[in-house]
Amino acid sequence: QYKAEVMLRIFEKDIKPLIGGRAKAMIVTSSRVAGLRYFNIIREKLKERGADYKVLYAFS
């Protein structure tokens, strides 16, 4: 959970303001399970913050 919190802080502070607030970011994980864990944690943290954006989980 700590890593997800750090990623969100970096995104909100440094990345989101770019391109007129329309910038995006990608988190690459070692497995689908790890990706799903990050997705669930980040989704909950965004809900707690009342964020105006969402997280998307995809894999190939």
N, C-alpha and C. Protein backbone atom coordinates (compact mmCIF):
# COMPACT_ATOMS: atom_id res chain seq x y z
N GLN A 1 0.81 -1.19 0.00
CA GLN A 1 0.00 0.00 0.00
C GLN A 1 0.86 1.25 0.00
N TYR A 2 2.01 1.19 0.63
CA TYR A 2 2.87 2.35 0.68
C TYR A 2 3.33 2.76 -0.72
N LYS A 3 3.72 1.78 -1.53
CA LYS A 3 4.17 2.08 -2.89
C LYS A 3 3.07 2.73 -3.70
N ALA A 4 1.85 2.24 -3.55
CA ALA A 4 0.71 2.82 -4.28
C ALA A 4 0.50 4.26 -3.85
N GLU A 5 0.63 4.54 -2.57
CA GLU A 5 0.47 5.91 -2.06
C GLU A 5 1.54 6.83 -2.66
N VAL A 6 2.77 6.35 -2.70
CA VAL A 6 3.86 7.15 -3.28
C VAL A 6 3.59 7.41 -4.76
N MET A 7 3.15 6.39 -5.49
CA MET A 7 2.84 6.57 -6.92
C MET A 7 1.75 7.61 -7.12
N LEU A 8 0.72 7.56 -6.30
CA LEU A 8 -0.36 8.54 -6.42
C LEU A 8 0.12 9.95 -6.13
N ARG A 9 0.95 10.09 -5.09
CA ARG A 9 1.47 11.42 -4.75
C ARG A 9 2.30 11.98 -5.90
N ILE A 10 3.16 11.17 -6.48
CA ILE A 10 3.98 11.62 -7.61
C ILE A 10 3.10 11.99 -8.79
N PHE A 11 2.11 11.16 -9.09
CA PHE A 11 1.21 11.46 -10.20
C PHE A 11 0.49 12.78 -9.98
N GLU A 12 -0.09 12.95 -8.80
CA GLU A 12 -0.87 14.16 -8.54
C GLU A 12 -0.01 15.41 -8.51
N LYS A 13 1.21 15.31 -8.00
CA LYS A 13 2.07 16.48 -7.87
C LYS A 13 2.80 16.81 -9.17
N ASP A 14 3.37 15.82 -9.83
CA ASP A 14 4.27 16.07 -10.95
C ASP A 14 3.69 15.76 -12.33
N ILE A 15 2.82 14.78 -12.43
CA ILE A 15 2.37 14.31 -13.74
C ILE A 15 1.03 14.91 -14.15
N LYS A 16 0.05 14.84 -13.27
CA LYS A 16 -1.31 15.28 -13.61
C LYS A 16 -1.37 16.71 -14.18
N PRO A 17 -0.60 17.66 -13.65
CA PRO A 17 -0.69 19.03 -14.18
C PRO A 17 -0.21 19.18 -15.63
N LEU A 18 0.54 18.21 -16.13
CA LEU A 18 1.07 18.30 -17.49
C LEU A 18 -0.05 18.21 -18.53
N ILE A 19 0.18 18.74 -19.68
CA ILE A 19 -0.75 18.69 -20.81
C ILE A 19 -2.13 19.19 -20.39
N GLY A 20 -2.16 20.31 -19.71
CA GLY A 20 -3.43 20.90 -19.32
C GLY A 20 -4.25 20.04 -18.38
N GLY A 21 -3.59 19.27 -17.53
CA GLY A 21 -4.30 18.41 -16.58
C GLY A 21 -4.84 17.13 -17.20
N ARG A 22 -4.42 16.82 -18.42
CA ARG A 22 -4.93 15.62 -19.11
C ARG A 22 -3.86 14.53 -19.25
N ALA A 23 -2.77 14.67 -18.52
CA ALA A 23 -1.69 13.68 -18.61
C ALA A 23 -2.14 12.35 -18.01
N LYS A 24 -1.49 11.29 -18.44
CA LYS A 24 -1.80 9.94 -17.97
C LYS A 24 -0.52 9.26 -17.50
N ALA A 25 -0.68 8.16 -16.78
CA ALA A 25 0.47 7.40 -16.31
C ALA A 25 0.16 5.91 -16.41
N MET A 26 1.22 5.11 -16.46
CA MET A 26 1.06 3.66 -16.54
C MET A 26 1.94 3.01 -15.48
N ILE A 27 1.38 2.04 -14.79
CA ILE A 27 2.14 1.25 -13.82
C ILE A 27 2.32 -0.13 -14.43
N VAL A 28 3.55 -0.56 -14.58
CA VAL A 28 3.86 -1.88 -15.15
C VAL A 28 4.25 -2.79 -13.99
N THR A 29 3.63 -3.97 -13.93
CA THR A 29 3.91 -4.91 -12.84
C THR A 29 4.46 -6.22 -13.39
N SER A 30 4.95 -7.04 -12.50
CA SER A 30 5.55 -8.31 -12.91
C SER A 30 4.53 -9.40 -13.21
N SER A 31 3.28 -9.19 -12.79
CA SER A 31 2.25 -10.21 -13.03
C SER A 31 0.87 -9.58 -13.04
N ARG A 32 -0.10 -10.33 -13.53
CA ARG A 32 -1.49 -9.86 -13.53
C ARG A 32 -2.01 -9.71 -12.10
N VAL A 33 -1.61 -10.62 -11.24
CA VAL A 33 -2.04 -10.57 -9.84
C VAL A 33 -1.54 -9.29 -9.18
N ALA A 34 -0.27 -8.97 -9.41
CA ALA A 34 0.29 -7.74 -8.84
C ALA A 34 -0.44 -6.52 -9.40
N GLY A 35 -0.75 -6.53 -10.68
CA GLY A 35 -1.49 -5.43 -11.30
C GLY A 35 -2.86 -5.27 -10.68
N LEU A 36 -3.53 -6.37 -10.42
CA LEU A 36 -4.86 -6.33 -9.81
C LEU A 36 -4.79 -5.79 -8.38
N ARG A 37 -3.74 -6.16 -7.67
CA ARG A 37 -3.57 -5.63 -6.30
C ARG A 37 -3.40 -4.12 -6.33
N TYR A 38 -2.53 -3.62 -7.21
CA TYR A 38 -2.35 -2.17 -7.33
C TYR A 38 -3.66 -1.50 -7.73
N PHE A 39 -4.37 -2.09 -8.67
CA PHE A 39 -5.64 -1.53 -9.11
C PHE A 39 -6.60 -1.36 -7.94
N ASN A 40 -6.77 -2.40 -7.14
CA ASN A 40 -7.70 -2.34 -6.02
C ASN A 40 -7.28 -1.31 -4.98
N ILE A 41 -6.00 -1.26 -4.66
CA ILE A 41 -5.50 -0.31 -3.67
C ILE A 41 -5.68 1.12 -4.17
N ILE A 42 -5.27 1.37 -5.41
CA ILE A 42 -5.35 2.73 -5.95
C ILE A 42 -6.81 3.16 -6.10
N ARG A 43 -7.67 2.26 -6.54
CA ARG A 43 -9.10 2.59 -6.67
C ARG A 43 -9.67 3.03 -5.32
N GLU A 44 -9.33 2.31 -4.25
CA GLU A 44 -9.82 2.68 -2.92
C GLU A 44 -9.27 4.02 -2.47
N LYS A 45 -7.99 4.26 -2.71
CA LYS A 45 -7.39 5.53 -2.31
C LYS A 45 -8.00 6.70 -3.07
N LEU A 46 -8.29 6.50 -4.35
CA LEU A 46 -8.93 7.56 -5.13
C LEU A 46 -10.34 7.83 -4.63
N LYS A 47 -11.04 6.78 -4.24
CA LYS A 47 -12.39 6.93 -3.70
C LYS A 47 -12.35 7.72 -2.40
N GLU A 48 -11.38 7.40 -1.52
CA GLU A 48 -11.22 8.11 -0.25
C GLU A 48 -10.94 9.58 -0.47
N ARG A 49 -10.16 9.91 -1.49
CA ARG A 49 -9.78 11.29 -1.77
C ARG A 49 -10.84 12.05 -2.55
N GLY A 50 -11.81 11.34 -3.08
CA GLY A 50 -12.82 12.00 -3.91
C GLY A 50 -12.21 12.53 -5.20
N ALA A 51 -11.28 11.77 -5.75
CA ALA A 51 -10.55 12.20 -6.95
C ALA A 51 -11.49 12.34 -8.15
N ASP A 52 -11.11 13.22 -9.06
CA ASP A 52 -11.91 13.46 -10.26
C ASP A 52 -11.43 12.61 -11.44
N TYR A 53 -10.70 11.56 -11.16
CA TYR A 53 -10.23 10.64 -12.20
C TYR A 53 -10.28 9.22 -11.66
N LYS A 54 -10.15 8.25 -12.56
CA LYS A 54 -10.26 6.84 -12.19
C LYS A 54 -9.02 6.07 -12.61
N VAL A 55 -8.94 4.85 -12.14
CA VAL A 55 -7.84 3.95 -12.50
C VAL A 55 -8.40 2.88 -13.44
N LEU A 56 -7.58 2.45 -14.38
CA LEU A 56 -7.96 1.43 -15.35
C LEU A 56 -6.99 0.26 -15.22
N TYR A 57 -7.50 -0.97 -15.23
CA TYR A 57 -6.66 -2.16 -15.15
C TYR A 57 -6.74 -2.89 -16.48
N ALA A 58 -5.60 -3.12 -17.11
CA ALA A 58 -5.56 -3.83 -18.39
C ALA A 58 -4.30 -4.70 -18.42
N PHE A 59 -4.36 -5.75 -19.21
CA PHE A 59 -3.19 -6.62 -19.36
C PHE A 59 -3.23 -7.25 -20.74
N SER A 60 -2.08 -7.77 -21.13
CA SER A 60 -2.03 -8.44 -22.44
C SER A 60 -1.32 -9.78 -22.33
